[in-house]
PDB file of N, CA and C in Angstrom:
ATOM      1  N   MET A   1      -6.358 -22.659   7.817  1.00  0.00           N
ATOM      2  CA  MET A   1      -5.902 -21.467   8.502  1.00  0.00           C
ATOM      3  C   MET A   1      -5.031 -20.657   7.555  1.00  0.00           C
ATOM      4  N   THR A   2      -5.307 -19.382   7.420  1.00  0.00           N
ATOM      5  CA  THR A   2      -4.572 -18.499   6.534  1.00  0.00           C
ATOM      6  C   THR A   2      -3.309 -18.014   7.211  1.00  0.00           C
ATOM      7  N   LYS A   3      -2.194 -18.083   6.482  1.00  0.00           N
ATOM      8  CA  LYS A   3      -0.927 -17.595   7.007  1.00  0.00           C
ATOM      9  C   LYS A   3      -0.866 -16.084   6.817  1.00  0.00           C
ATOM     10  N   PRO A   4      -0.598 -15.304   7.875  1.00  0.00           N
ATOM     11  CA  PRO A   4      -0.500 -13.851   7.716  1.00  0.00           C
ATOM     12  C   PRO A   4       0.701 -13.491   6.848  1.00  0.00           C
ATOM     13  N   PHE A   5       0.571 -12.429   6.091  1.00  0.00           N
ATOM     14  CA  PHE A   5       1.636 -11.976   5.216  1.00  0.00           C
ATOM     15  C   PHE A   5       2.602 -11.089   5.976  1.00  0.00           C
ATOM     16  N   LEU A   6       3.851 -11.128   5.583  1.00  0.00           N
ATOM     17  CA  LEU A   6       4.870 -10.251   6.122  1.00  0.00           C
ATOM     18  C   LEU A   6       4.979  -9.057   5.193  1.00  0.00           C
ATOM     19  N   LEU A   7       4.920  -7.848   5.736  1.00  0.00           N
ATOM     20  CA  LEU A   7       5.000  -6.636   4.935  1.00  0.00           C
ATOM     21  C   LEU A   7       6.290  -5.898   5.243  1.00  0.00           C
ATOM     22  N   PHE A   8       7.026  -5.511   4.194  1.00  0.00           N
ATOM     23  CA  PHE A   8       8.199  -4.664   4.338  1.00  0.00           C
ATOM     24  C   PHE A   8       7.780  -3.286   3.868  1.00  0.00           C
ATOM     25  N   ILE A   9       7.924  -2.267   4.720  1.00  0.00           N
ATOM     26  CA  ILE A   9       7.367  -0.961   4.408  1.00  0.00           C
ATOM     27  C   ILE A   9       8.404   0.137   4.603  1.00  0.00           C
ATOM     28  N   VAL A  10       8.466   1.062   3.634  1.00  0.00           N
ATOM     29  CA  VAL A  10       9.275   2.272   3.741  1.00  0.00           C
ATOM     30  C   VAL A  10       8.331   3.441   3.503  1.00  0.00           C
ATOM     31  N   PHE A  11       8.340   4.456   4.366  1.00  0.00           N
ATOM     32  CA  PHE A  11       7.441   5.594   4.237  1.00  0.00           C
ATOM     33  C   PHE A  11       8.193   6.809   3.710  1.00  0.00           C
ATOM     34  N   LEU A  12       7.629   7.487   2.733  1.00  0.00           N
ATOM     35  CA  LEU A  12       8.150   8.743   2.215  1.00  0.00           C
ATOM     36  C   LEU A  12       6.999   9.727   2.154  1.00  0.00           C
ATOM     37  N   PHE A  13       7.193  10.928   2.662  1.00  0.00           N
ATOM     38  CA  PHE A  13       6.143  11.946   2.659  1.00  0.00           C
ATOM     39  C   PHE A  13       6.553  13.080   1.737  1.00  0.00           C
ATOM     40  N   SER A  14       5.598  13.652   1.020  1.00  0.00           N
ATOM     41  CA  SER A  14       5.860  14.850   0.236  1.00  0.00           C
ATOM     42  C   SER A  14       4.650  15.768   0.342  1.00  0.00           C
ATOM     43  N   LEU A  15       4.895  17.064   0.235  1.00  0.00           N
ATOM     44  CA  LEU A  15       3.827  18.043   0.338  1.00  0.00           C
ATOM     45  C   LEU A  15       3.635  18.729  -1.002  1.00  0.00           C
ATOM     46  N   SER A  16       2.395  19.117  -1.288  1.00  0.00           N
ATOM     47  CA  SER A  16       2.116  19.862  -2.510  1.00  0.00           C
ATOM     48  C   SER A  16       1.417  21.160  -2.154  1.00  0.00           C
ATOM     49  N   LEU A  17       1.350  22.080  -3.082  1.00  0.00           N
ATOM     50  CA  LEU A  17       0.726  23.372  -2.844  1.00  0.00           C
ATOM     51  C   LEU A  17      -0.787  23.300  -2.882  1.00  0.00           C
ATOM     52  N   GLU A  18      -1.362  22.197  -3.271  1.00  0.00           N
ATOM     53  CA  GLU A  18      -2.813  22.040  -3.365  1.00  0.00           C
ATOM     54  C   GLU A  18      -3.439  21.611  -2.051  1.00  0.00           C
ATOM     55  N   ALA A  19      -2.806  21.869  -0.935  1.00  0.00           N
ATOM     56  CA  ALA A  19      -3.333  21.517   0.386  1.00  0.00           C
ATOM     57  C   ALA A  19      -3.597  20.023   0.504  1.00  0.00           C
ATOM     58  N   GLN A  20      -2.630  19.248   0.078  1.00  0.00           N
ATOM     59  CA  GLN A  20      -2.723  17.790   0.159  1.00  0.00           C
ATOM     60  C   GLN A  20      -1.398  17.248   0.671  1.00  0.00           C
ATOM     61  N   VAL A  21      -1.454  16.077   1.244  1.00  0.00           N
ATOM     62  CA  VAL A  21      -0.250  15.370   1.676  1.00  0.00           C
ATOM     63  C   VAL A  21      -0.196  14.073   0.895  1.00  0.00           C
ATOM     64  N   THR A  22       0.910  13.848   0.198  1.00  0.00           N
ATOM     65  CA  THR A  22       1.087  12.609  -0.549  1.00  0.00           C
ATOM     66  C   THR A  22       1.926  11.648   0.276  1.00  0.00           C
ATOM     67  N   LEU A  23       1.409  10.468   0.491  1.00  0.00           N
ATOM     68  CA  LEU A  23       2.125   9.430   1.224  1.00  0.00           C
ATOM     69  C   LEU A  23       2.580   8.392   0.210  1.00  0.00           C
ATOM     70  N   ASP A  24       3.894   8.282   0.032  1.00  0.00           N
ATOM     71  CA  ASP A  24       4.475   7.279  -0.852  1.00  0.00           C
ATOM     72  C   ASP A  24       5.038   6.160   0.007  1.00  0.00           C
ATOM     73  N   ILE A  25       4.641   4.941  -0.284  1.00  0.00           N
ATOM     74  CA  ILE A  25       5.066   3.785   0.502  1.00  0.00           C
ATOM     75  C   ILE A  25       5.670   2.754  -0.443  1.00  0.00           C
ATOM     76  N   ARG A  26       6.694   2.097   0.015  1.00  0.00           N
ATOM     77  CA  ARG A  26       7.243   0.956  -0.709  1.00  0.00           C
ATOM     78  C   ARG A  26       7.093  -0.254   0.207  1.00  0.00           C
ATOM     79  N   MET A  27       6.352  -1.242  -0.253  1.00  0.00           N
ATOM     80  CA  MET A  27       6.072  -2.418   0.564  1.00  0.00           C
ATOM     81  C   MET A  27       5.934  -3.645  -0.326  1.00  0.00           C
ATOM     82  N   PHE A  28       6.141  -4.785   0.237  1.00  0.00           N
ATOM     83  CA  PHE A  28       5.997  -6.038  -0.498  1.00  0.00           C
ATOM     84  C   PHE A  28       5.126  -6.999   0.294  1.00  0.00           C
ATOM     85  N   ILE A  29       4.280  -7.692  -0.393  1.00  0.00           N
ATOM     86  CA  ILE A  29       3.444  -8.719   0.215  1.00  0.00           C
ATOM     87  C   ILE A  29       4.177 -10.045   0.027  1.00  0.00           C
ATOM     88  N   GLU A  30       4.443 -10.712   1.121  1.00  0.00           N
ATOM     89  CA  GLU A  30       5.303 -11.895   1.107  1.00  0.00           C
ATOM     90  C   GLU A  30       4.873 -12.931   0.075  1.00  0.00           C
ATOM     91  N   GLY A  31       3.601 -13.227  -0.030  1.00  0.00           N
ATOM     92  CA  GLY A  31       3.144 -14.254  -0.965  1.00  0.00           C
ATOM     93  C   GLY A  31       3.336 -13.889  -2.422  1.00  0.00           C
ATOM     94  N   PHE A  32       3.464 -12.599  -2.720  1.00  0.00           N
ATOM     95  CA  PHE A  32       3.651 -12.133  -4.102  1.00  0.00           C
ATOM     96  C   PHE A  32       5.112 -11.869  -4.432  1.00  0.00           C
ATOM     97  N   TYR A  33       5.958 -11.694  -3.418  1.00  0.00           N
ATOM     98  CA  TYR A  33       7.341 -11.262  -3.594  1.00  0.00           C
ATOM     99  C   TYR A  33       8.188 -12.364  -4.209  1.00  0.00           C
ATOM    100  N   SER A  34       9.004 -12.007  -5.184  1.00  0.00           N
ATOM    101  CA  SER A  34       9.892 -12.962  -5.833  1.00  0.00           C
ATOM    102  C   SER A  34      11.300 -12.379  -5.871  1.00  0.00           C
ATOM    103  N   ALA A  35      12.151 -12.814  -4.956  1.00  0.00           N
ATOM    104  CA  ALA A  35      13.516 -12.292  -4.879  1.00  0.00           C
ATOM    105  C   ALA A  35      14.302 -12.597  -6.145  1.00  0.00           C
ATOM    106  N   GLY A  36      13.999 -13.697  -6.810  1.00  0.00           N
ATOM    107  CA  GLY A  36      14.701 -14.070  -8.032  1.00  0.00           C
ATOM    108  C   GLY A  36      14.252 -13.288  -9.256  1.00  0.00           C
ATOM    109  N   ASN A  37      13.294 -12.419  -9.096  1.00  0.00           N
ATOM    110  CA  ASN A  37      12.765 -11.635 -10.225  1.00  0.00           C
ATOM    111  C   ASN A  37      12.967 -10.142  -9.956  1.00  0.00           C
ATOM    112  N   ASN A  38      14.178  -9.788  -9.541  1.00  0.00           N
ATOM    113  CA  ASN A  38      14.529  -8.402  -9.209  1.00  0.00           C
ATOM    114  C   ASN A  38      13.604  -7.821  -8.146  1.00  0.00           C
ATOM    115  N   GLY A  39      13.102  -8.640  -7.259  1.00  0.00           N
ATOM    116  CA  GLY A  39      12.282  -8.179  -6.159  1.00  0.00           C
ATOM    117  C   GLY A  39      10.922  -7.649  -6.568  1.00  0.00           C
ATOM    118  N   ARG A  40      10.401  -8.095  -7.681  1.00  0.00           N
ATOM    119  CA  ARG A  40       9.104  -7.616  -8.157  1.00  0.00           C
ATOM    120  C   ARG A  40       8.011  -8.638  -7.841  1.00  0.00           C
ATOM    121  N   MET A  41       6.792  -8.132  -7.744  1.00  0.00           N
ATOM    122  CA  MET A  41       5.635  -8.989  -7.482  1.00  0.00           C
ATOM    123  C   MET A  41       4.848  -9.155  -8.784  1.00  0.00           C
ATOM    124  N   ASN A  42       5.500  -9.690  -9.816  1.00  0.00           N
ATOM    125  CA  ASN A  42       4.841  -9.746 -11.118  1.00  0.00           C
ATOM    126  C   ASN A  42       4.738 -11.160 -11.693  1.00  0.00           C
ATOM    127  N   ASN A  43       4.612 -12.145 -10.847  1.00  0.00           N
ATOM    128  CA  ASN A  43       4.394 -13.529 -11.287  1.00  0.00           C
ATOM    129  C   ASN A  43       5.421 -13.972 -12.323  1.00  0.00           C
ATOM    130  N   ILE A  44       6.676 -13.777 -11.969  1.00  0.00           N
ATOM    131  CA  ILE A  44       7.818 -14.176 -12.796  1.00  0.00           C
ATOM    132  C   ILE A  44       7.722 -13.580 -14.200  1.00  0.00           C
ATOM    133  N   GLY A  45       7.453 -12.285 -14.263  1.00  0.00           N
ATOM    134  CA  GLY A  45       7.443 -11.558 -15.526  1.00  0.00           C
ATOM    135  C   GLY A  45       6.134 -11.589 -16.291  1.00  0.00           C
ATOM    136  N   GLN A  46       5.081 -12.188 -15.725  1.00  0.00           N
ATOM    137  CA  GLN A  46       3.811 -12.288 -16.445  1.00  0.00           C
ATOM    138  C   GLN A  46       2.861 -11.137 -16.141  1.00  0.00           C
ATOM    139  N   GLY A  47       3.175 -10.317 -15.142  1.00  0.00           N
ATOM    140  CA  GLY A  47       2.328  -9.178 -14.779  1.00  0.00           C
ATOM    141  C   GLY A  47       1.780  -9.320 -13.382  1.00  0.00           C
ATOM    142  N   GLY A  48       1.253  -8.211 -12.884  1.00  0.00           N
ATOM    143  CA  GLY A  48       0.658  -8.198 -11.552  1.00  0.00           C
ATOM    144  C   GLY A  48      -0.632  -8.992 -11.507  1.00  0.00           C
ATOM    145  N   CYS A  49      -1.058  -9.375 -10.323  1.00  0.00           N
ATOM    146  CA  CYS A  49      -2.261 -10.198 -10.156  1.00  0.00           C
ATOM    147  C   CYS A  49      -3.525  -9.533 -10.691  1.00  0.00           C
ATOM    148  N   LEU A  50      -3.666  -8.220 -10.495  1.00  0.00           N
ATOM    149  CA  LEU A  50      -4.847  -7.542 -11.038  1.00  0.00           C
ATOM    150  C   LEU A  50      -4.855  -7.611 -12.562  1.00  0.00           C
ATOM    151  N   TYR A  51      -3.695  -7.447 -13.155  1.00  0.00           N
ATOM    152  CA  TYR A  51      -3.572  -7.529 -14.617  1.00  0.00           C
ATOM    153  C   TYR A  51      -3.880  -8.952 -15.109  1.00  0.00           C
ATOM    154  N   LEU A  52      -3.280  -9.933 -14.464  1.00  0.00           N
ATOM    155  CA  LEU A  52      -3.465 -11.328 -14.891  1.00  0.00           C
ATOM    156  C   LEU A  52      -4.908 -11.808 -14.762  1.00  0.00           C
ATOM    157  N   ASN A  53      -5.643 -11.259 -13.803  1.00  0.00           N
ATOM    158  CA  ASN A  53      -7.030 -11.651 -13.596  1.00  0.00           C
ATOM    159  C   ASN A  53      -8.017 -10.780 -14.357  1.00  0.00           C
ATOM    160  N   GLY A  54      -7.515  -9.930 -15.230  1.00  0.00           N
ATOM    161  CA  GLY A  54      -8.382  -9.091 -16.046  1.00  0.00           C
ATOM    162  C   GLY A  54      -9.055  -7.960 -15.292  1.00  0.00           C
ATOM    163  N   LEU A  55      -8.564  -7.628 -14.104  1.00  0.00           N
ATOM    164  CA  LEU A  55      -9.157  -6.565 -13.300  1.00  0.00           C
ATOM    165  C   LEU A  55      -8.501  -5.210 -13.555  1.00  0.00           C
ATOM    166  N   SER A  56      -7.431  -5.206 -14.336  1.00  0.00           N
ATOM    167  CA  SER A  56      -6.734  -3.972 -14.677  1.00  0.00           C
ATOM    168  C   SER A  56      -6.061  -4.146 -16.037  1.00  0.00           C
ATOM    169  N   THR A  57      -5.920  -3.049 -16.733  1.00  0.00           N
ATOM    170  CA  THR A  57      -5.191  -3.084 -18.013  1.00  0.00           C
ATOM    171  C   THR A  57      -3.732  -2.692 -17.830  1.00  0.00           C
ATOM    172  N   ASN A  58      -3.353  -2.321 -16.597  1.00  0.00           N
ATOM    173  CA  ASN A  58      -1.975  -1.941 -16.299  1.00  0.00           C
ATOM    174  C   ASN A  58      -1.189  -3.186 -15.887  1.00  0.00           C
ATOM    175  N   PHE A  59      -0.152  -3.522 -16.656  1.00  0.00           N
ATOM    176  CA  PHE A  59       0.691  -4.685 -16.426  1.00  0.00           C
ATOM    177  C   PHE A  59       1.284  -4.705 -15.017  1.00  0.00           C
ATOM    178  N   ASN A  60       1.513  -3.529 -14.428  1.00  0.00           N
ATOM    179  CA  ASN A  60       2.197  -3.419 -13.132  1.00  0.00           C
ATOM    180  C   ASN A  60       1.280  -3.381 -11.917  1.00  0.00           C
ATOM    181  N   ASP A  61      -0.029  -3.538 -12.087  1.00  0.00           N
ATOM    182  CA  ASP A  61      -0.953  -3.520 -10.950  1.00  0.00           C
ATOM    183  C   ASP A  61      -0.959  -4.879 -10.255  1.00  0.00           C
ATOM    184  N   ALA A  62      -0.410  -4.906  -9.014  1.00  0.00           N
ATOM    185  CA  ALA A  62      -0.291  -6.166  -8.280  1.00  0.00           C
ATOM    186  C   ALA A  62      -1.550  -6.489  -7.482  1.00  0.00           C
ATOM    187  N   ASP A  63      -2.016  -5.547  -6.646  1.00  0.00           N
ATOM    188  CA  ASP A  63      -3.170  -5.808  -5.795  1.00  0.00           C
ATOM    189  C   ASP A  63      -3.627  -4.501  -5.157  1.00  0.00           C
ATOM    190  N   THR A  64      -4.774  -4.544  -4.499  1.00  0.00           N
ATOM    191  CA  THR A  64      -5.260  -3.365  -3.800  1.00  0.00           C
ATOM    192  C   THR A  64      -4.968  -3.500  -2.308  1.00  0.00           C
ATOM    193  N   ILE A  65      -4.726  -2.361  -1.666  1.00  0.00           N
ATOM    194  CA  ILE A  65      -4.544  -2.304  -0.221  1.00  0.00           C
ATOM    195  C   ILE A  65      -5.332  -1.111   0.303  1.00  0.00           C
ATOM    196  N   GLN A  66      -5.605  -1.115   1.589  1.00  0.00           N
ATOM    197  CA  GLN A  66      -6.281  -0.005   2.254  1.00  0.00           C
ATOM    198  C   GLN A  66      -5.257   0.679   3.146  1.00  0.00           C
ATOM    199  N   ILE A  67      -5.023   1.989   2.930  1.00  0.00           N
ATOM    200  CA  ILE A  67      -4.123   2.771   3.771  1.00  0.00           C
ATOM    201  C   ILE A  67      -4.967   3.701   4.630  1.00  0.00           C
ATOM    202  N   SER A  68      -4.784   3.626   5.935  1.00  0.00           N
ATOM    203  CA  SER A  68      -5.561   4.445   6.863  1.00  0.00           C
ATOM    204  C   SER A  68      -4.627   5.256   7.746  1.00  0.00           C
ATOM    205  N   ILE A  69      -5.023   6.492   8.007  1.00  0.00           N
ATOM    206  CA  ILE A  69      -4.342   7.338   8.975  1.00  0.00           C
ATOM    207  C   ILE A  69      -5.131   7.219  10.274  1.00  0.00           C
ATOM    208  N   MET A  70      -4.446   6.818  11.352  1.00  0.00           N
ATOM    209  CA  MET A  70      -5.105   6.542  12.625  1.00  0.00           C
ATOM    210  C   MET A  70      -4.608   7.510  13.701  1.00  0.00           C
ATOM    211  N   ASP A  71      -5.532   8.028  14.512  1.00  0.00           N
ATOM    212  CA  ASP A  71      -5.179   8.898  15.618  1.00  0.00           C
ATOM    213  C   ASP A  71      -4.300   8.125  16.594  1.00  0.00           C
ATOM    214  N   GLN A  72      -3.194   8.731  17.008  1.00  0.00           N
ATOM    215  CA  GLN A  72      -2.236   8.007  17.855  1.00  0.00           C
ATOM    216  C   GLN A  72      -2.731   7.771  19.280  1.00  0.00           C
ATOM    217  N   LEU A  73      -3.714   8.526  19.729  1.00  0.00           N
ATOM    218  CA  LEU A  73      -4.214   8.352  21.093  1.00  0.00           C
ATOM    219  C   LEU A  73      -5.446   7.459  21.166  1.00  0.00           C
ATOM    220  N   THR A  74      -6.379   7.674  20.256  1.00  0.00           N
ATOM    221  CA  THR A  74      -7.645   6.932  20.306  1.00  0.00           C
ATOM    222  C   THR A  74      -7.693   5.767  19.332  1.00  0.00           C
ATOM    223  N   TYR A  75      -6.737   5.709  18.416  1.00  0.00           N
ATOM    224  CA  TYR A  75      -6.699   4.715  17.335  1.00  0.00           C
ATOM    225  C   TYR A  75      -7.893   4.836  16.392  1.00  0.00           C
ATOM    226  N   ALA A  76      -8.602   5.954  16.450  1.00  0.00           N
ATOM    227  CA  ALA A  76      -9.734   6.190  15.550  1.00  0.00           C
ATOM    228  C   ALA A  76      -9.204   6.494  14.154  1.00  0.00           C
ATOM    229  N   GLU A  77      -9.920   6.013  13.161  1.00  0.00           N
ATOM    230  CA  GLU A  77      -9.528   6.270  11.778  1.00  0.00           C
ATOM    231  C   GLU A  77      -9.821   7.728  11.426  1.00  0.00           C
ATOM    232  N   VAL A  78      -8.803   8.434  10.944  1.00  0.00           N
ATOM    233  CA  VAL A  78      -8.936   9.838  10.571  1.00  0.00           C
ATOM    234  C   VAL A  78      -9.282   9.960   9.088  1.00  0.00           C
ATOM    235  N   GLU A  79      -8.592   9.175   8.266  1.00  0.00           N
ATOM    236  CA  GLU A  79      -8.830   9.179   6.824  1.00  0.00           C
ATOM    237  C   GLU A  79      -8.319   7.858   6.261  1.00  0.00           C
ATOM    238  N   SER A  80      -8.956   7.385   5.188  1.00  0.00           N
ATOM    239  CA  SER A  80      -8.596   6.088   4.631  1.00  0.00           C
ATOM    240  C   SER A  80      -8.806   6.086   3.121  1.00  0.00           C
ATOM    241  N   HIS A  81      -7.931   5.350   2.412  1.00  0.00           N
ATOM    242  CA  HIS A  81      -8.034   5.244   0.955  1.00  0.00           C
ATOM    243  C   HIS A  81      -7.684   3.826   0.497  1.00  0.00           C
ATOM    244  N   LYS A  82      -8.428   3.343  -0.482  1.00  0.00           N
ATOM    245  CA  LYS A  82      -8.102   2.080  -1.137  1.00  0.00           C
ATOM    246  C   LYS A  82      -7.259   2.428  -2.364  1.00  0.00           C
ATOM    247  N   VAL A  83      -6.064   1.846  -2.448  1.00  0.00           N
ATOM    248  CA  VAL A  83      -5.120   2.180  -3.509  1.00  0.00           C
ATOM    249  C   VAL A  83      -4.568   0.904  -4.147  1.00  0.00           C
ATOM    250  N   ILE A  84      -3.925   1.072  -5.294  1.00  0.00           N
ATOM    251  CA  ILE A  84      -3.368  -0.066  -6.028  1.00  0.00           C
ATOM    252  C   ILE A  84      -1.865  -0.144  -5.799  1.00  0.00           C
ATOM    253  N   LEU A  85      -1.423  -1.292  -5.323  1.00  0.00           N
ATOM    254  CA  LEU A  85      -0.010  -1.585  -5.116  1.00  0.00           C
ATOM    255  C   LEU A  85       0.593  -2.032  -6.444  1.00  0.00           C
ATOM    256  N   GLN A  86       1.741  -1.458  -6.796  1.00  0.00           N
ATOM    257  CA  GLN A  86       2.421  -1.804  -8.040  1.00  0.00           C
ATOM    258  C   GLN A  86       3.359  -2.991  -7.831  1.00  0.00           C
ATOM    259  N   THR A  87       3.764  -3.636  -8.912  1.00  0.00           N
ATOM    260  CA  THR A  87       4.622  -4.818  -8.811  1.00  0.00           C
ATOM    261  C   THR A  87       5.999  -4.504  -8.244  1.00  0.00           C
ATOM    262  N   ASP A  88       6.469  -3.254  -8.328  1.00  0.00           N
ATOM    263  CA  ASP A  88       7.762  -2.888  -7.760  1.00  0.00           C
ATOM    264  C   ASP A  88       7.659  -2.504  -6.287  1.00  0.00           C
ATOM    265  N   GLY A  89       6.458  -2.642  -5.706  1.00  0.00           N
ATOM    266  CA  GLY A  89       6.252  -2.369  -4.289  1.00  0.00           C
ATOM    267  C   GLY A  89       5.835  -0.944  -3.988  1.00  0.00           C
ATOM    268  N   ASN A  90       5.735  -0.098  -4.996  1.00  0.00           N
ATOM    269  CA  ASN A  90       5.370   1.296  -4.776  1.00  0.00           C
ATOM    270  C   ASN A  90       3.861   1.493  -4.755  1.00  0.00           C
ATOM    271  N   VAL A  91       3.433   2.375  -3.863  1.00  0.00           N
ATOM    272  CA  VAL A  91       2.031   2.766  -3.769  1.00  0.00           C
ATOM    273  C   VAL A  91       2.007   4.201  -3.268  1.00  0.00           C
ATOM    274  N   SER A  92       1.048   4.973  -3.743  1.00  0.00           N
ATOM    275  CA  SER A  92       0.947   6.373  -3.366  1.00  0.00           C
ATOM    276  C   SER A  92      -0.508   6.696  -3.044  1.00  0.00           C
ATOM    277  N   SER A  93      -0.702   7.535  -2.026  1.00  0.00           N
ATOM    278  CA  SER A  93      -2.047   7.953  -1.650  1.00  0.00           C
ATOM    279  C   SER A  93      -2.006   9.418  -1.240  1.00  0.00           C
ATOM    280  N   ILE A  94      -3.045  10.166  -1.597  1.00  0.00           N
ATOM    281  CA  ILE A  94      -3.122  11.589  -1.279  1.00  0.00           C
ATOM    282  C   ILE A  94      -4.123  11.785  -0.145  1.00  0.00           C
ATOM    283  N   PHE A  95      -3.668  12.460   0.908  1.00  0.00           N
ATOM    284  CA  PHE A  95      -4.501  12.709   2.072  1.00  0.00           C
ATOM    285  C   PHE A  95      -4.736  14.205   2.239  1.00  0.00           C
ATOM    286  N   ASN A  96      -5.780  14.542   2.970  1.00  0.00           N
ATOM    287  CA  ASN A  96      -6.136  15.913   3.269  1.00  0.00           C
ATOM    288  C   ASN A  96      -5.030  16.565   4.094  1.00  0.00           C
ATOM    289  N   SER A  97      -4.756  17.822   3.847  1.00  0.00           N
ATOM    290  CA  SER A  97      -3.671  18.513   4.552  1.00  0.00           C
ATOM    291  C   SER A  97      -3.974  18.753   6.026  1.00  0.00           C
ATOM    292  N   LEU A  98      -5.202  18.490   6.475  1.00  0.00           N
ATOM    293  CA  LEU A  98      -5.541  18.692   7.884  1.00  0.00           C
ATOM    294  C   LEU A  98      -4.741  17.775   8.800  1.00  0.00           C
ATOM    295  N   ILE A  99      -4.113  16.746   8.244  1.00  0.00           N
ATOM    296  CA  ILE A  99      -3.312  15.847   9.074  1.00  0.00           C
ATOM    297  C   ILE A  99      -1.931  16.424   9.382  1.00  0.00           C
ATOM    298  N   LEU A 100      -1.544  17.506   8.696  1.00  0.00           N
ATOM    299  CA  LEU A 100      -0.239  18.119   8.930  1.00  0.00           C
ATOM    300  C   LEU A 100      -0.130  18.653  10.353  1.00  0.00           C
ATOM    301  N   GLY A 101       1.052  18.518  10.929  1.00  0.00           N
ATOM    302  CA  GLY A 101       1.306  19.056  12.253  1.00  0.00           C
ATOM    303  C   GLY A 101       0.867  18.164  13.395  1.00  0.00           C
ATOM    304  N   ASN A 102       0.334  16.994  13.093  1.00  0.00           N
ATOM    305  CA  ASN A 102      -0.108  16.053  14.118  1.00  0.00           C
ATOM    306  C   ASN A 102       0.588  14.717  13.914  1.00  0.00           C
ATOM    307  N   SER A 103       0.603  13.894  14.936  1.00  0.00           N
ATOM    308  CA  SER A 103       1.209  12.569  14.845  1.00  0.00           C
ATOM    309  C   SER A 103       0.117  11.516  14.678  1.00  0.00           C
ATOM    310  N   TYR A 104       0.366  10.577  13.777  1.00  0.00           N
ATOM    311  CA  TYR A 104      -0.600   9.521  13.478  1.00  0.00           C
ATOM    312  C   TYR A 104       0.114   8.192  13.291  1.00  0.00           C
ATOM    313  N   PHE A 105      -0.645   7.118  13.431  1.00  0.00           N
ATOM    314  CA  PHE A 105      -0.195   5.803  13.011  1.00  0.00           C
ATOM    315  C   PHE A 105      -0.681   5.579  11.597  1.00  0.00           C
ATOM    316  N   ILE A 106       0.060   4.801  10.836  1.00  0.00           N
ATOM    317  CA  ILE A 106      -0.369   4.424   9.500  1.00  0.00           C
ATOM    318  C   ILE A 106      -0.731   2.944   9.543  1.00  0.00           C
ATOM    319  N   LYS A 107      -1.948   2.640   9.131  1.00  0.00           N
ATOM    320  CA  LYS A 107      -2.446   1.266   9.149  1.00  0.00           C
ATOM    321  C   LYS A 107      -2.627   0.816   7.706  1.00  0.00           C
ATOM    322  N   ILE A 108      -2.111  -0.367   7.400  1.00  0.00           N
ATOM    323  CA  ILE A 108      -2.233  -0.926   6.052  1.00  0.00           C
ATOM    324  C   ILE A 108      -2.937  -2.273   6.144  1.00  0.00           C
ATOM    325  N   ASN A 109      -3.998  -2.411   5.378  1.00  0.00           N
ATOM    326  CA  ASN A 109      -4.730  -3.679   5.327  1.00  0.00           C
ATOM    327  C   ASN A 109      -4.708  -4.214   3.898  1.00  0.00           C
ATOM    328  N   HIS A 110      -4.563  -5.517   3.804  1.00  0.00           N
ATOM    329  CA  HIS A 110      -4.660  -6.232   2.527  1.00  0.00           C
ATOM    330  C   HIS A 110      -5.786  -7.245   2.682  1.00  0.00           C
ATOM    331  N   ARG A 111      -6.425  -7.582   1.604  1.00  0.00           N
ATOM    332  CA  ARG A 111      -7.604  -8.454   1.659  1.00  0.00           C
ATOM    333  C   ARG A 111      -7.313  -9.838   2.245  1.00  0.00           C
ATOM    334  N   ASN A 112      -6.052 -10.226   2.297  1.00  0.00           N
ATOM    335  CA  ASN A 112      -5.705 -11.567   2.768  1.00  0.00           C
ATOM    336  C   ASN A 112      -4.762 -11.517   3.975  1.00  0.00           C
ATOM    337  N   THR A 113      -4.941 -10.511   4.825  1.00  0.00           N
ATOM    338  CA  THR A 113      -4.112 -10.420   6.024  1.00  0.00           C
ATOM    339  C   THR A 113      -4.978 -10.417   7.276  1.00  0.00           C
ATOM    340  N   LEU A 114      -4.352 -10.717   8.377  1.00  0.00           N
ATOM    341  CA  LEU A 114      -5.031 -10.707   9.670  1.00  0.00           C
ATOM    342  C   LEU A 114      -4.571  -9.495  10.459  1.00  0.00           C
ATOM    343  N   GLU A 115      -5.503  -8.795  11.076  1.00  0.00           N
ATOM    344  CA  GLU A 115      -5.131  -7.686  11.941  1.00  0.00           C
ATOM    345  C   GLU A 115      -4.702  -8.232  13.278  1.00  0.00           C
ATOM    346  N   THR A 116      -3.592  -7.729  13.783  1.00  0.00           N
ATOM    347  CA  THR A 116      -3.096  -8.176  15.091  1.00  0.00           C
ATOM    348  C   THR A 116      -3.020  -7.011  16.046  1.00  0.00           C
TER     349      THR A 116
END
């Protein structure tokens, strides 16, 4: 049985003139988090999991996650992106500006988590 991961998430929004919405999130995946290593998910200074497994040349690439914008009434997916989580917990995704002025839920999926 797989143990679900605990996610710590902080949301920051910024707008650009190119009709896009940038969603900046800071989150940590419990199984990767190392409090004794300045709170980084970098395998005790050896690099992120994507880097260590040869899937990325960026030392700070920890793992991929799926960020989805969900309609607050129907829970239908409005827009979704697969992005790379960095070892410091930062991740950024650019969404279409059509989501401005409306309320949505933000859904985050990781390849080793259970939806509840």
